[in-house]
């Protein structure tokens, strides 16, 4: 029995798919399938039911899964203990980020961290705040940069790294381009463009609409704020975006401030509490908190 067989089995069990599991562990799907088959042959039982549209655990798989997780956690603890003694930080860190964090120059932060810790491998992916919170809790992501609308998500430690106002972004020939502010109520008369539900910035916007007792017309949704900026620059409506992001694109966009205490963009780094992080992930959390706060 090999650790990689247990790792692949856990990945398939959590993802419900050999293809998704293969992407998660950075190997091919046939490799994952072959290693899980070898594990099943060694145990003498099928751990997975492959007959449906998604892969399901058999009763033997349900019994084996918690033990496989314990073994993998113990192996990680062993590596971490040795790393702590040697003082050399190495390993792999999975970082998840909402697209809106690009305004914080995340690529530069990652690049600088890699220069300081060249033995650490970093994989970076994007997702919504809801997706990243769930992935961080499940251990599929070590460190996440998420949007916050109100209280921090339960079960995670967080550190706010940005707290900025959200503004309306319009093209320079839009009717609102002659104004510096607009009320929440007035936005009902315009087509709005927002990030999709599940993002922290969208939750902040929805809180502002709810507090004002209005239901604005959402004309477009996009998970990438750069897409919203492009649509707004073409005169298709008012994009709700962080103020620094709009200011950085002043040649194409005009910012219109929206006086509302609810319309703020709060970004935070999030990680699992306790001893669940290895030295590499702990180093990244510490470094990110140092340079972004």
C-alpha atoms as a PDB file:
ATOM      1  CA  UNK A   1       0.000   0.000   0.000  1.00  0.00           C
ATOM      2  CA  UNK A   2       1.422   3.369  -1.053  1.00  0.00           C
ATOM      3  CA  UNK A   3       0.626   6.882   0.135  1.00  0.00           C
ATOM      4  CA  UNK A   4      -0.165   8.001  -3.394  1.00  0.00           C
ATOM      5  CA  UNK A   5      -2.815   5.278  -3.675  1.00  0.00           C
ATOM      6  CA  UNK A   6      -4.490   6.608  -0.544  1.00  0.00           C
ATOM      7  CA  UNK A   7      -4.138  10.171  -1.808  1.00  0.00           C
ATOM      8  CA  UNK A   8      -5.775   9.313  -5.135  1.00  0.00           C
ATOM      9  CA  UNK A   9      -8.548   7.351  -3.417  1.00  0.00           C
ATOM     10  CA  UNK A  10      -9.352  10.288  -1.128  1.00  0.00           C
ATOM     11  CA  UNK A  11      -9.292  12.688  -4.080  1.00  0.00           C
ATOM     12  CA  UNK A  12     -11.755  10.556  -6.076  1.00  0.00           C
ATOM     13  CA  UNK A  13     -14.004  10.143  -3.035  1.00  0.00           C
ATOM     14  CA  UNK A  14     -14.108  13.898  -2.399  1.00  0.00           C
ATOM     15  CA  UNK A  15     -14.415  14.974  -6.034  1.00  0.00           C
ATOM     16  CA  UNK A  16     -16.831  12.232  -7.123  1.00  0.00           C
ATOM     17  CA  UNK A  17     -14.928  11.935 -10.380  1.00  0.00           C
ATOM     18  CA  UNK A  18     -11.694  10.369 -11.602  1.00  0.00           C
ATOM     19  CA  UNK A  19     -11.175  13.259 -14.027  1.00  0.00           C
ATOM     20  CA  UNK A  20     -11.543  15.935 -11.350  1.00  0.00           C
ATOM     21  CA  UNK A  21      -9.378  13.930  -8.969  1.00  0.00           C
ATOM     22  CA  UNK A  22      -6.645  13.669 -11.603  1.00  0.00           C
ATOM     23  CA  UNK A  23      -6.682  17.446 -12.092  1.00  0.00           C
ATOM     24  CA  UNK A  24      -6.478  17.916  -8.335  1.00  0.00           C
ATOM     25  CA  UNK A  25      -3.396  15.703  -7.873  1.00  0.00           C
ATOM     26  CA  UNK A  26      -1.768  16.771 -11.171  1.00  0.00           C
ATOM     27  CA  UNK A  27      -1.590  13.363 -12.860  1.00  0.00           C
ATOM     28  CA  UNK A  28      -3.525  11.737 -15.678  1.00  0.00           C
ATOM     29  CA  UNK A  29      -6.902  10.093 -15.175  1.00  0.00           C
ATOM     30  CA  UNK A  30      -5.660   6.605 -16.182  1.00  0.00           C
ATOM     31  CA  UNK A  31      -2.914   6.886 -13.561  1.00  0.00           C
ATOM     32  CA  UNK A  32      -5.425   7.689 -10.815  1.00  0.00           C
ATOM     33  CA  UNK A  33      -7.694   4.858 -11.936  1.00  0.00           C
ATOM     34  CA  UNK A  34      -4.849   2.335 -12.033  1.00  0.00           C
ATOM     35  CA  UNK A  35      -3.537   3.229  -8.579  1.00  0.00           C
ATOM     36  CA  UNK A  36      -7.000   3.067  -6.991  1.00  0.00           C
ATOM     37  CA  UNK A  37      -7.559  -0.337  -8.639  1.00  0.00           C
ATOM     38  CA  UNK A  38      -4.292  -1.576  -7.116  1.00  0.00           C
ATOM     39  CA  UNK A  39      -5.420  -0.368  -3.706  1.00  0.00           C
ATOM     40  CA  UNK A  40      -8.726  -2.188  -4.109  1.00  0.00           C
ATOM     41  CA  UNK A  41      -6.993  -5.394  -5.145  1.00  0.00           C
ATOM     42  CA  UNK A  42      -4.721  -5.199  -2.123  1.00  0.00           C
ATOM     43  CA  UNK A  43      -7.691  -4.677   0.210  1.00  0.00           C
ATOM     44  CA  UNK A  44      -9.753  -7.304  -1.584  1.00  0.00           C
ATOM     45  CA  UNK A  45     -12.829  -5.084  -1.943  1.00  0.00           C
ATOM     46  CA  UNK A  46     -14.211  -2.427  -4.275  1.00  0.00           C
ATOM     47  CA  UNK A  47     -13.994   0.942  -2.561  1.00  0.00           C
ATOM     48  CA  UNK A  48     -15.779   2.849  -5.305  1.00  0.00           C
ATOM     49  CA  UNK A  49     -18.986   2.331  -7.249  1.00  0.00           C
ATOM     50  CA  UNK A  50     -18.289   3.392 -10.820  1.00  0.00           C
ATOM     51  CA  UNK A  51     -21.678   2.454 -12.310  1.00  0.00           C
ATOM     52  CA  UNK A  52     -23.392   5.868 -12.008  1.00  0.00           C
ATOM     53  CA  UNK A  53     -22.794   9.249 -13.561  1.00  0.00           C
ATOM     54  CA  UNK A  54     -20.649  10.169 -10.571  1.00  0.00           C
ATOM     55  CA  UNK A  55     -18.349   7.923  -8.575  1.00  0.00           C
ATOM     56  CA  UNK A  56     -19.802   6.852  -5.220  1.00  0.00           C
ATOM     57  CA  UNK A  57     -18.252   5.181  -2.198  1.00  0.00           C
ATOM     58  CA  UNK A  58     -19.218   1.604  -1.479  1.00  0.00           C
ATOM     59  CA  UNK A  59     -19.734   0.499   2.115  1.00  0.00           C
ATOM     60  CA  UNK A  60     -16.088  -0.579   2.126  1.00  0.00           C
ATOM     61  CA  UNK A  61     -15.054   2.805   0.760  1.00  0.00           C
ATOM     62  CA  UNK A  62     -17.041   4.604   3.447  1.00  0.00           C
ATOM     63  CA  UNK A  63     -15.250   2.548   6.096  1.00  0.00           C
ATOM     64  CA  UNK A  64     -11.819   3.096   4.525  1.00  0.00           C
ATOM     65  CA  UNK A  65     -12.040   6.845   3.825  1.00  0.00           C
ATOM     66  CA  UNK A  66     -11.535   8.204   7.373  1.00  0.00           C
ATOM     67  CA  UNK A  67      -8.577   5.869   7.925  1.00  0.00           C
ATOM     68  CA  UNK A  68      -6.996   6.958   4.646  1.00  0.00           C
ATOM     69  CA  UNK A  69      -7.314  10.586   5.719  1.00  0.00           C
ATOM     70  CA  UNK A  70      -5.691   9.807   9.067  1.00  0.00           C
ATOM     71  CA  UNK A  71      -2.741   8.101   7.372  1.00  0.00           C
ATOM     72  CA  UNK A  72      -2.222  11.019   4.974  1.00  0.00           C
ATOM     73  CA  UNK A  73      -2.473  13.525   7.815  1.00  0.00           C
ATOM     74  CA  UNK A  74       0.100  11.564   9.805  1.00  0.00           C
ATOM     75  CA  UNK A  75       2.459  11.553   6.820  1.00  0.00           C
ATOM     76  CA  UNK A  76       2.063  15.315   6.489  1.00  0.00           C
ATOM     77  CA  UNK A  77       2.773  15.748  10.198  1.00  0.00           C
ATOM     78  CA  UNK A  78       5.943  13.699   9.824  1.00  0.00           C
ATOM     79  CA  UNK A  79       7.143  15.886   6.961  1.00  0.00           C
ATOM     80  CA  UNK A  80       6.253  19.049   8.866  1.00  0.00           C
ATOM     81  CA  UNK A  81       8.136  17.918  11.966  1.00  0.00           C
ATOM     82  CA  UNK A  82      11.297  17.281   9.947  1.00  0.00           C
ATOM     83  CA  UNK A  83      10.895  20.573   8.062  1.00  0.00           C
ATOM     84  CA  UNK A  84      10.538  22.509  11.306  1.00  0.00           C
ATOM     85  CA  UNK A  85      13.784  21.017  12.614  1.00  0.00           C
ATOM     86  CA  UNK A  86      15.768  21.668   9.447  1.00  0.00           C
ATOM     87  CA  UNK A  87      14.487  25.225   9.138  1.00  0.00           C
ATOM     88  CA  UNK A  88      14.161  24.801   5.364  1.00  0.00           C
ATOM     89  CA  UNK A  89      10.712  25.663   4.048  1.00  0.00           C
ATOM     90  CA  UNK A  90       9.652  23.526   1.128  1.00  0.00           C
ATOM     91  CA  UNK A  91       6.583  21.704  -0.077  1.00  0.00           C
ATOM     92  CA  UNK A  92       3.496  22.606  -2.074  1.00  0.00           C
ATOM     93  CA  UNK A  93       0.862  25.252  -1.360  1.00  0.00           C
ATOM     94  CA  UNK A  94      -2.503  25.494  -3.067  1.00  0.00           C
ATOM     95  CA  UNK A  95      -3.781  29.059  -3.219  1.00  0.00           C
ATOM     96  CA  UNK A  96      -7.322  29.941  -4.214  1.00  0.00           C
ATOM     97  CA  UNK A  97      -8.348  33.472  -5.052  1.00  0.00           C
ATOM     98  CA  UNK A  98     -11.388  35.436  -6.106  1.00  0.00           C
ATOM     99  CA  UNK A  99     -10.769  37.234  -9.369  1.00  0.00           C
ATOM    100  CA  UNK A 100     -11.294  40.639  -7.752  1.00  0.00           C
ATOM    101  CA  UNK A 101      -8.133  40.168  -5.676  1.00  0.00           C
ATOM    102  CA  UNK A 102      -6.138  40.924  -8.824  1.00  0.00           C
ATOM    103  CA  UNK A 103      -6.412  44.591  -7.811  1.00  0.00           C
ATOM    104  CA  UNK A 104      -4.132  43.697  -4.887  1.00  0.00           C
ATOM    105  CA  UNK A 105      -1.298  42.636  -7.232  1.00  0.00           C
ATOM    106  CA  UNK A 106      -1.520  39.022  -6.076  1.00  0.00           C
ATOM    107  CA  UNK A 107       0.754  37.797  -8.896  1.00  0.00           C
ATOM    108  CA  UNK A 108       3.514  40.102  -7.601  1.00  0.00           C
ATOM    109  CA  UNK A 109       3.031  38.808  -4.051  1.00  0.00           C
ATOM    110  CA  UNK A 110       3.273  35.203  -5.238  1.00  0.00           C
ATOM    111  CA  UNK A 111       6.337  35.986  -7.332  1.00  0.00           C
ATOM    112  CA  UNK A 112       8.103  37.702  -4.429  1.00  0.00           C
ATOM    113  CA  UNK A 113       7.231  34.830  -2.098  1.00  0.00           C
ATOM    114  CA  UNK A 114       8.647  32.341  -4.604  1.00  0.00           C
ATOM    115  CA  UNK A 115      11.901  34.261  -4.726  1.00  0.00           C
ATOM    116  CA  UNK A 116      12.162  34.147  -0.939  1.00  0.00           C
ATOM    117  CA  UNK A 117      11.136  30.472  -0.700  1.00  0.00           C
ATOM    118  CA  UNK A 118      12.323  28.849  -3.956  1.00  0.00           C
ATOM    119  CA  UNK A 119      11.728  25.304  -2.639  1.00  0.00           C
ATOM    120  CA  UNK A 120       7.976  25.912  -2.294  1.00  0.00           C
ATOM    121  CA  UNK A 121       5.748  24.971  -5.236  1.00  0.00           C
ATOM    122  CA  UNK A 122       2.596  27.068  -5.576  1.00  0.00           C
ATOM    123  CA  UNK A 123      -0.536  26.242  -7.524  1.00  0.00           C
ATOM    124  CA  UNK A 124      -2.997  29.091  -8.046  1.00  0.00           C
ATOM    125  CA  UNK A 125      -6.657  28.876  -9.019  1.00  0.00           C
ATOM    126  CA  UNK A 126      -9.686  31.166  -9.052  1.00  0.00           C
ATOM    127  CA  UNK A 127     -13.213  30.646  -7.793  1.00  0.00           C
ATOM    128  CA  UNK A 128     -16.096  32.332  -6.028  1.00  0.00           C
ATOM    129  CA  UNK A 129     -15.936  33.064  -2.319  1.00  0.00           C
ATOM    130  CA  UNK A 130     -18.407  30.243  -1.610  1.00  0.00           C
ATOM    131  CA  UNK A 131     -16.330  27.758  -3.606  1.00  0.00           C
ATOM    132  CA  UNK A 132     -13.068  28.807  -1.967  1.00  0.00           C
ATOM    133  CA  UNK A 133     -14.474  28.712   1.568  1.00  0.00           C
ATOM    134  CA  UNK A 134     -15.747  25.163   1.021  1.00  0.00           C
ATOM    135  CA  UNK A 135     -12.468  24.075  -0.601  1.00  0.00           C
ATOM    136  CA  UNK A 136     -10.402  25.560   2.240  1.00  0.00           C
ATOM    137  CA  UNK A 137     -12.502  23.841   4.883  1.00  0.00           C
ATOM    138  CA  UNK A 138     -12.149  20.540   3.010  1.00  0.00           C
ATOM    139  CA  UNK A 139      -8.381  20.926   2.683  1.00  0.00           C
ATOM    140  CA  UNK A 140      -8.324  21.186  -1.106  1.00  0.00           C
ATOM    141  CA  UNK A 141      -7.048  24.749  -0.785  1.00  0.00           C
ATOM    142  CA  UNK A 142      -4.433  25.747   1.796  1.00  0.00           C
ATOM    143  CA  UNK A 143      -4.786  29.516   1.640  1.00  0.00           C
ATOM    144  CA  UNK A 144      -7.638  31.456   0.059  1.00  0.00           C
ATOM    145  CA  UNK A 145      -8.207  35.101  -0.734  1.00  0.00           C
ATOM    146  CA  UNK A 146     -11.937  35.654  -0.385  1.00  0.00           C
ATOM    147  CA  UNK A 147     -14.469  38.458  -0.324  1.00  0.00           C
ATOM    148  CA  UNK A 148     -16.191  39.280   2.946  1.00  0.00           C
ATOM    149  CA  UNK A 149     -19.677  40.740   3.140  1.00  0.00           C
ATOM    150  CA  UNK A 150     -20.255  40.616   6.891  1.00  0.00           C
ATOM    151  CA  UNK A 151     -19.045  38.087   9.445  1.00  0.00           C
ATOM    152  CA  UNK A 152     -16.092  35.791   8.644  1.00  0.00           C
ATOM    153  CA  UNK A 153     -17.026  32.284   7.477  1.00  0.00           C
ATOM    154  CA  UNK A 154     -17.203  29.842  10.396  1.00  0.00           C
ATOM    155  CA  UNK A 155     -14.472  27.250  10.720  1.00  0.00           C
ATOM    156  CA  UNK A 156     -11.709  29.394   9.215  1.00  0.00           C
ATOM    157  CA  UNK A 157      -9.197  31.921  10.461  1.00  0.00           C
ATOM    158  CA  UNK A 158      -9.251  35.138   8.442  1.00  0.00           C
ATOM    159  CA  UNK A 159      -7.284  38.362   8.181  1.00  0.00           C
ATOM    160  CA  UNK A 160      -8.743  41.335   6.328  1.00  0.00           C
ATOM    161  CA  UNK A 161      -6.217  42.652   3.826  1.00  0.00           C
ATOM    162  CA  UNK A 162      -8.339  45.247   1.997  1.00  0.00           C
ATOM    163  CA  UNK A 163     -11.372  47.341   2.888  1.00  0.00           C
ATOM    164  CA  UNK A 164     -12.322  49.679   0.068  1.00  0.00           C
ATOM    165  CA  UNK A 165     -15.507  51.350  -1.175  1.00  0.00           C
ATOM    166  CA  UNK A 166     -17.431  49.947  -4.102  1.00  0.00           C
ATOM    167  CA  UNK A 167     -18.315  52.472  -6.788  1.00  0.00           C
ATOM    168  CA  UNK A 168     -20.299  52.598  -9.969  1.00  0.00           C
ATOM    169  CA  UNK A 169     -18.130  52.414 -13.080  1.00  0.00           C
ATOM    170  CA  UNK A 170     -19.518  53.914 -16.279  1.00  0.00           C
ATOM    171  CA  UNK A 171     -18.208  54.869 -19.693  1.00  0.00           C
ATOM    172  CA  UNK A 172     -17.218  58.490 -20.260  1.00  0.00           C
ATOM    173  CA  UNK A 173     -20.289  59.050 -22.465  1.00  0.00           C
ATOM    174  CA  UNK A 174     -22.758  57.483 -20.010  1.00  0.00           C
ATOM    175  CA  UNK A 175     -25.385  59.860 -18.521  1.00  0.00           C
ATOM    176  CA  UNK A 176     -23.864  59.343 -15.045  1.00  0.00           C
ATOM    177  CA  UNK A 177     -20.394  60.346 -16.281  1.00  0.00           C
ATOM    178  CA  UNK A 178     -21.291  63.990 -15.529  1.00  0.00           C
ATOM    179  CA  UNK A 179     -21.803  63.179 -11.859  1.00  0.00           C
ATOM    180  CA  UNK A 180     -19.505  62.308  -8.972  1.00  0.00           C
ATOM    181  CA  UNK A 181     -22.125  60.532  -6.808  1.00  0.00           C
ATOM    182  CA  UNK A 182     -25.380  58.650  -7.228  1.00  0.00           C
ATOM    183  CA  UNK A 183     -27.768  57.346  -4.599  1.00  0.00           C
ATOM    184  CA  UNK A 184     -28.690  53.715  -4.213  1.00  0.00           C
ATOM    185  CA  UNK A 185     -32.301  54.587  -5.095  1.00  0.00           C
ATOM    186  CA  UNK A 186     -31.246  56.245  -8.356  1.00  0.00           C
ATOM    187  CA  UNK A 187     -29.487  53.091  -9.473  1.00  0.00           C
ATOM    188  CA  UNK A 188     -32.888  51.489 -10.005  1.00  0.00           C
ATOM    189  CA  UNK A 189     -33.121  53.511 -13.220  1.00  0.00           C
ATOM    190  CA  UNK A 190     -29.956  51.999 -14.677  1.00  0.00           C
ATOM    191  CA  UNK A 191     -28.821  48.569 -15.820  1.00  0.00           C
ATOM    192  CA  UNK A 192     -26.343  47.192 -13.313  1.00  0.00           C
ATOM    193  CA  UNK A 193     -23.466  44.786 -13.871  1.00  0.00           C
ATOM    194  CA  UNK A 194     -22.236  42.779 -10.881  1.00  0.00           C
ATOM    195  CA  UNK A 195     -20.213  39.790  -9.864  1.00  0.00           C
ATOM    196  CA  UNK A 196     -22.364  36.645  -9.526  1.00  0.00           C
ATOM    197  CA  UNK A 197     -24.072  35.461  -6.365  1.00  0.00           C
ATOM    198  CA  UNK A 198     -21.626  33.649  -4.111  1.00  0.00           C
ATOM    199  CA  UNK A 199     -18.966  36.352  -4.271  1.00  0.00           C
ATOM    200  CA  UNK A 200     -18.226  38.604  -1.334  1.00  0.00           C
ATOM    201  CA  UNK A 201     -18.541  41.755  -3.443  1.00  0.00           C
ATOM    202  CA  UNK A 202     -21.964  40.703  -4.715  1.00  0.00           C
ATOM    203  CA  UNK A 203     -23.083  40.003  -1.151  1.00  0.00           C
ATOM    204  CA  UNK A 204     -22.035  43.524  -0.180  1.00  0.00           C
ATOM    205  CA  UNK A 205     -24.021  44.955  -3.083  1.00  0.00           C
ATOM    206  CA  UNK A 206     -27.082  42.881  -2.231  1.00  0.00           C
ATOM    207  CA  UNK A 207     -26.871  44.088   1.382  1.00  0.00           C
ATOM    208  CA  UNK A 208     -26.955  47.686   0.180  1.00  0.00           C
ATOM    209  CA  UNK A 209     -29.970  47.046  -2.049  1.00  0.00           C
ATOM    210  CA  UNK A 210     -31.786  45.262   0.780  1.00  0.00           C
ATOM    211  CA  UNK A 211     -31.048  48.070   3.248  1.00  0.00           C
ATOM    212  CA  UNK A 212     -32.513  50.573   0.783  1.00  0.00           C
ATOM    213  CA  UNK A 213     -35.522  48.344   0.093  1.00  0.00           C
ATOM    214  CA  UNK A 214     -34.945  48.214  -3.653  1.00  0.00           C
ATOM    215  CA  UNK A 215     -34.532  45.521  -6.291  1.00  0.00           C
ATOM    216  CA  UNK A 216     -32.215  46.908  -8.973  1.00  0.00           C
ATOM    217  CA  UNK A 217     -32.112  45.506 -12.486  1.00  0.00           C
ATOM    218  CA  UNK A 218     -29.040  43.270 -12.873  1.00  0.00           C
ATOM    219  CA  UNK A 219     -28.363  43.281 -16.602  1.00  0.00           C
ATOM    220  CA  UNK A 220     -25.076  41.353 -16.639  1.00  0.00           C
ATOM    221  CA  UNK A 221     -23.141  39.080 -14.308  1.00  0.00           C
ATOM    222  CA  UNK A 222     -19.510  38.039 -14.703  1.00  0.00           C
ATOM    223  CA  UNK A 223     -17.068  36.352 -12.351  1.00  0.00           C
ATOM    224  CA  UNK A 224     -14.148  38.457 -13.583  1.00  0.00           C
ATOM    225  CA  UNK A 225     -14.271  42.201 -12.769  1.00  0.00           C
ATOM    226  CA  UNK A 226     -12.236  42.883 -15.886  1.00  0.00           C
ATOM    227  CA  UNK A 227     -15.172  41.663 -17.985  1.00  0.00           C
ATOM    228  CA  UNK A 228     -17.539  43.977 -16.108  1.00  0.00           C
ATOM    229  CA  UNK A 229     -15.143  46.863 -16.705  1.00  0.00           C
ATOM    230  CA  UNK A 230     -15.055  46.137 -20.436  1.00  0.00           C
ATOM    231  CA  UNK A 231     -18.863  46.008 -20.626  1.00  0.00           C
ATOM    232  CA  UNK A 232     -19.175  49.259 -18.706  1.00  0.00           C
ATOM    233  CA  UNK A 233     -16.617  50.958 -20.952  1.00  0.00           C
ATOM    234  CA  UNK A 234     -18.868  50.080 -23.909  1.00  0.00           C
ATOM    235  CA  UNK A 235     -21.771  51.936 -22.303  1.00  0.00           C
ATOM    236  CA  UNK A 236     -23.838  48.872 -21.395  1.00  0.00           C
ATOM    237  CA  UNK A 237     -24.588  49.961 -17.842  1.00  0.00           C
ATOM    238  CA  UNK A 238     -23.159  50.629 -14.402  1.00  0.00           C
ATOM    239  CA  UNK A 239     -20.599  48.126 -13.129  1.00  0.00           C
ATOM    240  CA  UNK A 240     -20.239  47.774  -9.352  1.00  0.00           C
ATOM    241  CA  UNK A 241     -16.498  47.468  -8.723  1.00  0.00           C
ATOM    242  CA  UNK A 242     -13.826  48.301  -6.113  1.00  0.00           C
ATOM    243  CA  UNK A 243     -12.743  51.937  -6.361  1.00  0.00           C
ATOM    244  CA  UNK A 244      -8.996  51.189  -6.885  1.00  0.00           C
ATOM    245  CA  UNK A 245      -9.867  48.867  -9.748  1.00  0.00           C
ATOM    246  CA  UNK A 246     -11.875  51.626 -11.453  1.00  0.00           C
ATOM    247  CA  UNK A 247      -9.219  54.271 -10.810  1.00  0.00           C
ATOM    248  CA  UNK A 248      -6.623  52.045 -12.440  1.00  0.00           C
ATOM    249  CA  UNK A 249      -8.750  52.088 -15.620  1.00  0.00           C
ATOM    250  CA  UNK A 250      -9.560  55.810 -15.634  1.00  0.00           C
ATOM    251  CA  UNK A 251      -8.917  56.070 -19.364  1.00  0.00           C
ATOM    252  CA  UNK A 252     -11.980  53.916 -20.016  1.00  0.00           C
ATOM    253  CA  UNK A 253     -14.130  54.317 -16.900  1.00  0.00           C
ATOM    254  CA  UNK A 254     -15.601  57.118 -14.836  1.00  0.00           C
ATOM    255  CA  UNK A 255     -16.145  56.361 -11.118  1.00  0.00           C
ATOM    256  CA  UNK A 256     -19.440  57.356  -9.516  1.00  0.00           C
ATOM    257  CA  UNK A 257     -19.436  57.092  -5.731  1.00  0.00           C
ATOM    258  CA  UNK A 258     -22.457  55.558  -4.024  1.00  0.00           C
ATOM    259  CA  UNK A 259     -22.895  56.841  -0.441  1.00  0.00           C
ATOM    260  CA  UNK A 260     -23.792  53.673   1.462  1.00  0.00           C
ATOM    261  CA  UNK A 261     -22.099  52.054   4.462  1.00  0.00           C
ATOM    262  CA  UNK A 262     -22.915  48.624   3.027  1.00  0.00           C
ATOM    263  CA  UNK A 263     -21.095  49.098  -0.269  1.00  0.00           C
ATOM    264  CA  UNK A 264     -17.552  48.187   0.660  1.00  0.00           C
ATOM    265  CA  UNK A 265     -15.184  45.646  -0.836  1.00  0.00           C
ATOM    266  CA  UNK A 266     -13.510  43.628   1.904  1.00  0.00           C
ATOM    267  CA  UNK A 267     -10.942  41.019   0.967  1.00  0.00           C
ATOM    268  CA  UNK A 268      -9.341  38.609   3.416  1.00  0.00           C
ATOM    269  CA  UNK A 269      -6.933  35.716   3.467  1.00  0.00           C
ATOM    270  CA  UNK A 270      -8.453  32.588   4.988  1.00  0.00           C
ATOM    271  CA  UNK A 271      -6.941  29.348   6.213  1.00  0.00           C
ATOM    272  CA  UNK A 272      -7.791  26.370   8.397  1.00  0.00           C
ATOM    273  CA  UNK A 273      -7.156  27.006  12.085  1.00  0.00           C
ATOM    274  CA  UNK A 274      -4.954  24.925  14.347  1.00  0.00           C
ATOM    275  CA  UNK A 275      -2.168  22.687  13.094  1.00  0.00           C
ATOM    276  CA  UNK A 276      -3.686  21.815   9.753  1.00  0.00           C
ATOM    277  CA  UNK A 277      -1.190  23.844   7.712  1.00  0.00           C
ATOM    278  CA  UNK A 278       2.272  22.677   6.747  1.00  0.00           C
ATOM    279  CA  UNK A 279       5.366  24.902   7.009  1.00  0.00           C
ATOM    280  CA  UNK A 280       5.045  26.119   3.408  1.00  0.00           C
ATOM    281  CA  UNK A 281       1.427  27.198   3.841  1.00  0.00           C
ATOM    282  CA  UNK A 282       2.188  28.805   7.195  1.00  0.00           C
ATOM    283  CA  UNK A 283       5.035  30.742   5.603  1.00  0.00           C
ATOM    284  CA  UNK A 284       2.740  31.968   2.832  1.00  0.00           C
ATOM    285  CA  UNK A 285       0.078  33.101   5.317  1.00  0.00           C
ATOM    286  CA  UNK A 286       2.687  34.961   7.357  1.00  0.00           C
ATOM    287  CA  UNK A 287       4.266  36.559   4.305  1.00  0.00           C
ATOM    288  CA  UNK A 288       0.918  37.611   2.811  1.00  0.00           C
ATOM    289  CA  UNK A 289      -0.220  39.174   6.080  1.00  0.00           C
ATOM    290  CA  UNK A 290       3.067  41.082   6.285  1.00  0.00           C
ATOM    291  CA  UNK A 291       3.056  42.574   2.791  1.00  0.00           C
ATOM    292  CA  UNK A 292      -0.686  43.172   2.272  1.00  0.00           C
ATOM    293  CA  UNK A 293      -1.777  44.603   5.605  1.00  0.00           C
END
